[in-house]
Each structure stands twice: as structure tokens, then as C-alpha cells.
Amino acid sequence: MHRFTFFLAAGSLAAAASTVAAAQPAERAPQTREAAIAQAERAFAALDANGDGVVDARDMETRRQQMFARLDTNGDGVVSRAEWDAAAAQRAQRGGDRRAGAGPRGRWAQREGATGLTREQFVAAATARFDRADANRDGTVSADERRAVREAFRTERRSGN
């Protein structure tokens, strides 16, 4: 159960990483709170493979199968080294691994007995991250605020907290 919870939270946060100011590149335009919520809604919809409003083991299994099918380009049921390398090259061409720097795995994963993540929980977590990044409380996370959050995150990771 803990393994599932970890992977569920990791997948959820990776998909929503762009809503986290710490994970956004400084070159990006300022983001409003409304845009962050809309982005979190889209990310959740992408994770909720069966559309039942909860991301759970069934959704993760569906996503795993979809990913395997994308990698197994010849459909033989095996991902060869050549298929793996081709996928890695495509990912590098698109700008690298989007999961890199996605941030901590989240406190949601630490909840005892967590069996699924609802849309409301997902959006609330994204909104809370946005609100923490919006230092001047103007409803927009600027490049400077994004940099400050990113630096605080790096400092926290280096200190082992």
C-alpha cells in the first residue's frame, strides 16, 4: 500500500509540477491563481484515466499500460533497448525529462490508509502551493517570486529537511 501511495503521489505531483512555482522555469510568464487552478484541473483530468473523480490504482495501471504501449512501438509485448533509446531521444528532443525537479513527493503520500486522490484534494494542494509562492498576495506568481521559491526549495533539499 505504501508503494502504491508513493507512486500515486509522485505521479500526481509530476503531472502538476508546472503549477508549482518551484518547478517553473524563470523565463515563464507570470501565472495567475486562476490559471494555476485551470492547469491543476487539466493535470488531474489527465491522471484520472477512468474519469471517476479519483486518481487511484486503476488509473495508475491504465497510465502504466498506456506508457508501455507508447514505448513498445512494434507491439511485440517487449520494450527493446532500441525502443527504450528511441523514447529517451524523443524525450530529450522535447526538452528533457519533465519530471526532473518536480519537487518533493508530497505529504499526501504520507497519509495512513490513503487509497485515492480526489480532484478537490489535488486542486487544493496546487492552490496552496500557488498561495505560498505568491509572496506579495497579488494573485500572480512573478518570475522573482518563482525564483525565490525555487531557491528556498533548493536550500531545504540541501539541508536534508
C-alpha atoms as a PDB file:
ATOM      1  CA  MET A   1       0.000   0.000   0.000  1.00  0.00           C
ATOM      2  CA  HIS A   2       2.791   2.421   0.838  1.00  0.00           C
ATOM      3  CA  ARG A   3       4.441   1.702  -2.519  1.00  0.00           C
ATOM      4  CA  PHE A   4       1.198   2.449  -4.357  1.00  0.00           C
ATOM      5  CA  THR A   5       0.663   5.612  -2.348  1.00  0.00           C
ATOM      6  CA  PHE A   6       4.190   6.786  -3.079  1.00  0.00           C
ATOM      7  CA  PHE A   7       3.844   6.200  -6.822  1.00  0.00           C
ATOM      8  CA  LEU A   8       0.370   7.722  -6.893  1.00  0.00           C
ATOM      9  CA  ALA A   9       1.568  10.880  -5.193  1.00  0.00           C
ATOM     10  CA  ALA A  10       4.754  11.012  -7.274  1.00  0.00           C
ATOM     11  CA  GLY A  11       2.772  10.699 -10.476  1.00  0.00           C
ATOM     12  CA  SER A  12       0.252  13.255  -9.363  1.00  0.00           C
ATOM     13  CA  LEU A  13       2.864  15.776  -8.390  1.00  0.00           C
ATOM     14  CA  ALA A  14       4.878  15.200 -11.526  1.00  0.00           C
ATOM     15  CA  ALA A  15       1.839  15.940 -13.637  1.00  0.00           C
ATOM     16  CA  ALA A  16       1.083  19.058 -11.633  1.00  0.00           C
ATOM     17  CA  ALA A  17       4.672  20.194 -11.287  1.00  0.00           C
ATOM     18  CA  SER A  18       4.114  23.070 -13.653  1.00  0.00           C
ATOM     19  CA  THR A  19       1.651  24.548 -11.156  1.00  0.00           C
ATOM     20  CA  VAL A  20       4.343  24.630  -8.523  1.00  0.00           C
ATOM     21  CA  ALA A  21       6.305  27.832  -8.728  1.00  0.00           C
ATOM     22  CA  ALA A  22       9.459  25.998  -7.689  1.00  0.00           C
ATOM     23  CA  ALA A  23       9.221  23.765 -10.722  1.00  0.00           C
ATOM     24  CA  GLN A  24       8.611  26.517 -13.254  1.00  0.00           C
ATOM     25  CA  PRO A  25      11.486  27.984 -15.223  1.00  0.00           C
ATOM     26  CA  ALA A  26      12.158  31.665 -14.548  1.00  0.00           C
ATOM     27  CA  GLU A  27      11.571  32.510 -18.229  1.00  0.00           C
ATOM     28  CA  ARG A  28       7.885  31.679 -17.992  1.00  0.00           C
ATOM     29  CA  ALA A  29       5.383  34.486 -17.885  1.00  0.00           C
ATOM     30  CA  PRO A  30       3.751  35.346 -14.573  1.00  0.00           C
ATOM     31  CA  GLN A  31       0.924  32.987 -13.678  1.00  0.00           C
ATOM     32  CA  THR A  32      -2.371  33.980 -12.117  1.00  0.00           C
ATOM     33  CA  ARG A  33      -4.114  31.955  -9.435  1.00  0.00           C
ATOM     34  CA  GLU A  34      -6.960  31.201 -11.865  1.00  0.00           C
ATOM     35  CA  ALA A  35      -4.508  29.914 -14.471  1.00  0.00           C
ATOM     36  CA  ALA A  36      -2.827  27.712 -11.854  1.00  0.00           C
ATOM     37  CA  ILE A  37      -6.189  26.230 -10.854  1.00  0.00           C
ATOM     38  CA  ALA A  38      -7.113  25.609 -14.500  1.00  0.00           C
ATOM     39  CA  GLN A  39      -3.739  23.956 -15.056  1.00  0.00           C
ATOM     40  CA  ALA A  40      -4.258  21.729 -11.995  1.00  0.00           C
ATOM     41  CA  GLU A  41      -7.711  20.761 -13.291  1.00  0.00           C
ATOM     42  CA  ARG A  42      -6.205  19.750 -16.655  1.00  0.00           C
ATOM     43  CA  ALA A  43      -3.419  17.796 -14.957  1.00  0.00           C
ATOM     44  CA  PHE A  44      -5.915  15.940 -12.774  1.00  0.00           C
ATOM     45  CA  ALA A  45      -8.102  15.103 -15.767  1.00  0.00           C
ATOM     46  CA  ALA A  46      -5.056  13.629 -17.500  1.00  0.00           C
ATOM     47  CA  LEU A  47      -4.297  11.454 -14.466  1.00  0.00           C
ATOM     48  CA  ASP A  48      -7.903  10.342 -13.892  1.00  0.00           C
ATOM     49  CA  ALA A  49      -7.931   7.790 -16.715  1.00  0.00           C
ATOM     50  CA  ASN A  50     -11.424   6.431 -15.965  1.00  0.00           C
ATOM     51  CA  GLY A  51     -12.969   9.835 -15.187  1.00  0.00           C
ATOM     52  CA  ASP A  52     -14.405   8.856 -11.795  1.00  0.00           C
ATOM     53  CA  GLY A  53     -13.013  11.910  -9.966  1.00  0.00           C
ATOM     54  CA  VAL A  54     -10.416   9.929  -8.002  1.00  0.00           C
ATOM     55  CA  VAL A  55      -6.881   9.004  -9.009  1.00  0.00           C
ATOM     56  CA  ASP A  56      -6.303   5.506  -7.687  1.00  0.00           C
ATOM     57  CA  ALA A  57      -4.585   2.213  -8.515  1.00  0.00           C
ATOM     58  CA  ARG A  58      -6.835   1.589 -11.532  1.00  0.00           C
ATOM     59  CA  ASP A  59      -5.869   4.934 -13.055  1.00  0.00           C
ATOM     60  CA  MET A  60      -2.193   4.312 -12.409  1.00  0.00           C
ATOM     61  CA  GLU A  61      -2.427   0.859 -14.004  1.00  0.00           C
ATOM     62  CA  THR A  62      -4.146   2.335 -17.065  1.00  0.00           C
ATOM     63  CA  ARG A  63      -1.434   5.008 -17.330  1.00  0.00           C
ATOM     64  CA  ARG A  64       1.275   2.355 -16.933  1.00  0.00           C
ATOM     65  CA  GLN A  65      -0.264   0.305 -19.748  1.00  0.00           C
ATOM     66  CA  GLN A  66      -0.523   3.391 -21.968  1.00  0.00           C
ATOM     67  CA  MET A  67       3.106   4.250 -21.317  1.00  0.00           C
ATOM     68  CA  PHE A  68       4.205   0.697 -22.091  1.00  0.00           C
ATOM     69  CA  ALA A  69       2.207   0.746 -25.339  1.00  0.00           C
ATOM     70  CA  ARG A  70       3.922   4.017 -26.349  1.00  0.00           C
ATOM     71  CA  LEU A  71       7.337   2.511 -25.662  1.00  0.00           C
ATOM     72  CA  ASP A  72       6.583  -0.817 -27.400  1.00  0.00           C
ATOM     73  CA  THR A  73       6.428   0.702 -30.867  1.00  0.00           C
ATOM     74  CA  ASN A  74       6.422  -2.630 -32.725  1.00  0.00           C
ATOM     75  CA  GLY A  75       3.697  -4.110 -30.487  1.00  0.00           C
ATOM     76  CA  ASP A  76       5.534  -7.330 -29.645  1.00  0.00           C
ATOM     77  CA  GLY A  77       4.933  -7.031 -25.897  1.00  0.00           C
ATOM     78  CA  VAL A  78       8.590  -6.293 -25.147  1.00  0.00           C
ATOM     79  CA  VAL A  79      10.348  -2.948 -24.877  1.00  0.00           C
ATOM     80  CA  SER A  80      13.682  -3.486 -26.572  1.00  0.00           C
ATOM     81  CA  ARG A  81      16.782  -1.448 -25.864  1.00  0.00           C
ATOM     82  CA  ALA A  82      16.322   0.252 -29.245  1.00  0.00           C
ATOM     83  CA  GLU A  83      12.724   1.230 -28.387  1.00  0.00           C
ATOM     84  CA  TRP A  84      13.843   2.493 -24.969  1.00  0.00           C
ATOM     85  CA  ASP A  85      16.673   4.540 -26.507  1.00  0.00           C
ATOM     86  CA  ALA A  86      14.325   5.964 -29.164  1.00  0.00           C
ATOM     87  CA  ALA A  87      11.891   7.095 -26.456  1.00  0.00           C
ATOM     88  CA  ALA A  88      14.743   8.668 -24.483  1.00  0.00           C
ATOM     89  CA  ALA A  89      15.897  10.527 -27.594  1.00  0.00           C
ATOM     90  CA  GLN A  90      12.355  11.827 -28.209  1.00  0.00           C
ATOM     91  CA  ARG A  91      12.090  12.964 -24.595  1.00  0.00           C
ATOM     92  CA  ALA A  92      15.436  14.766 -24.868  1.00  0.00           C
ATOM     93  CA  GLN A  93      14.305  16.431 -28.077  1.00  0.00           C
ATOM     94  CA  ARG A  94      11.127  17.691 -26.348  1.00  0.00           C
ATOM     95  CA  GLY A  95      13.224  19.322 -23.656  1.00  0.00           C
ATOM     96  CA  GLY A  96      14.284  16.588 -21.312  1.00  0.00           C
ATOM     97  CA  ASP A  97      12.582  14.757 -18.557  1.00  0.00           C
ATOM     98  CA  ARG A  98       9.726  16.964 -17.373  1.00  0.00           C
ATOM     99  CA  ARG A  99       9.739  15.165 -14.055  1.00  0.00           C
ATOM    100  CA  ALA A 100      13.190  16.489 -13.191  1.00  0.00           C
ATOM    101  CA  GLY A 101      12.940  18.973 -10.374  1.00  0.00           C
ATOM    102  CA  ALA A 102       9.284  18.144  -9.803  1.00  0.00           C
ATOM    103  CA  GLY A 103       9.762  18.690  -6.123  1.00  0.00           C
ATOM    104  CA  PRO A 104       9.102  16.691  -3.020  1.00  0.00           C
ATOM    105  CA  ARG A 105       6.792  13.706  -3.212  1.00  0.00           C
ATOM    106  CA  GLY A 106       4.201  15.395  -1.048  1.00  0.00           C
ATOM    107  CA  ARG A 107       2.693  14.933   2.347  1.00  0.00           C
ATOM    108  CA  TRP A 108      -0.415  13.368   0.852  1.00  0.00           C
ATOM    109  CA  ALA A 109       1.596  10.196   0.240  1.00  0.00           C
ATOM    110  CA  GLN A 110       2.367  10.011   3.945  1.00  0.00           C
ATOM    111  CA  ARG A 111      -1.281   9.769   4.978  1.00  0.00           C
ATOM    112  CA  GLU A 112      -2.007   6.404   6.504  1.00  0.00           C
ATOM    113  CA  GLY A 113      -4.516   4.404   4.507  1.00  0.00           C
ATOM    114  CA  ALA A 114      -4.729   6.818   1.573  1.00  0.00           C
ATOM    115  CA  THR A 115      -6.371   4.931  -1.296  1.00  0.00           C
ATOM    116  CA  GLY A 116      -7.016   7.652  -3.836  1.00  0.00           C
ATOM    117  CA  LEU A 117      -6.573  11.308  -4.556  1.00  0.00           C
ATOM    118  CA  THR A 118      -9.708  13.307  -5.323  1.00  0.00           C
ATOM    119  CA  ARG A 119      -9.886  16.206  -7.724  1.00  0.00           C
ATOM    120  CA  GLU A 120     -10.670  18.506  -4.816  1.00  0.00           C
ATOM    121  CA  GLN A 121      -7.565  17.379  -2.890  1.00  0.00           C
ATOM    122  CA  PHE A 122      -5.411  17.729  -5.985  1.00  0.00           C
ATOM    123  CA  VAL A 123      -6.633  21.245  -6.824  1.00  0.00           C
ATOM    124  CA  ALA A 124      -6.448  22.306  -3.156  1.00  0.00           C
ATOM    125  CA  ALA A 125      -2.799  21.198  -2.986  1.00  0.00           C
ATOM    126  CA  ALA A 126      -1.954  23.071  -6.203  1.00  0.00           C
ATOM    127  CA  THR A 127      -3.754  26.179  -4.929  1.00  0.00           C
ATOM    128  CA  ALA A 128      -1.904  26.009  -1.608  1.00  0.00           C
ATOM    129  CA  ARG A 129       1.433  25.782  -3.450  1.00  0.00           C
ATOM    130  CA  PHE A 130       0.441  28.782  -5.561  1.00  0.00           C
ATOM    131  CA  ASP A 131      -0.581  30.774  -2.488  1.00  0.00           C
ATOM    132  CA  ARG A 132       2.749  30.024  -0.757  1.00  0.00           C
ATOM    133  CA  ALA A 133       4.623  31.208  -3.850  1.00  0.00           C
ATOM    134  CA  ASP A 134       2.564  34.413  -4.183  1.00  0.00           C
ATOM    135  CA  ALA A 135       4.637  36.348  -1.645  1.00  0.00           C
ATOM    136  CA  ASN A 136       3.002  39.742  -2.227  1.00  0.00           C
ATOM    137  CA  ARG A 137      -0.535  38.256  -2.372  1.00  0.00           C
ATOM    138  CA  ASP A 138      -1.426  39.975  -5.638  1.00  0.00           C
ATOM    139  CA  GLY A 139      -2.886  36.825  -7.227  1.00  0.00           C
ATOM    140  CA  THR A 140       0.040  36.378  -9.614  1.00  0.00           C
ATOM    141  CA  VAL A 141       3.295  34.478  -9.221  1.00  0.00           C
ATOM    142  CA  SER A 142       6.008  36.529 -10.894  1.00  0.00           C
ATOM    143  CA  ALA A 143       9.404  35.364 -12.122  1.00  0.00           C
ATOM    144  CA  ASP A 144      11.002  36.836  -8.992  1.00  0.00           C
ATOM    145  CA  GLU A 145       8.591  35.011  -6.687  1.00  0.00           C
ATOM    146  CA  ARG A 146       9.190  31.812  -8.660  1.00  0.00           C
ATOM    147  CA  ARG A 147      12.965  32.201  -8.242  1.00  0.00           C
ATOM    148  CA  ALA A 148      12.590  32.812  -4.509  1.00  0.00           C
ATOM    149  CA  VAL A 149      10.514  29.652  -4.072  1.00  0.00           C
ATOM    150  CA  ARG A 150      12.965  27.650  -6.173  1.00  0.00           C
ATOM    151  CA  GLU A 151      15.901  28.861  -4.075  1.00  0.00           C
ATOM    152  CA  ALA A 152      14.066  28.101  -0.826  1.00  0.00           C
ATOM    153  CA  PHE A 153      13.307  24.622  -2.130  1.00  0.00           C
ATOM    154  CA  ARG A 154      16.944  24.025  -3.075  1.00  0.00           C
ATOM    155  CA  THR A 155      18.117  25.245   0.328  1.00  0.00           C
ATOM    156  CA  GLU A 156      15.656  22.937   2.058  1.00  0.00           C
ATOM    157  CA  ARG A 157      16.761  19.938  -0.027  1.00  0.00           C
ATOM    158  CA  ARG A 158      20.433  20.644   0.668  1.00  0.00           C
ATOM    159  CA  SER A 159      19.791  20.854   4.393  1.00  0.00           C
ATOM    160  CA  GLY A 160      18.053  17.481   4.312  1.00  0.00           C
ATOM    161  CA  ASN A 161      14.674  18.670   5.602  1.00  0.00           C
END
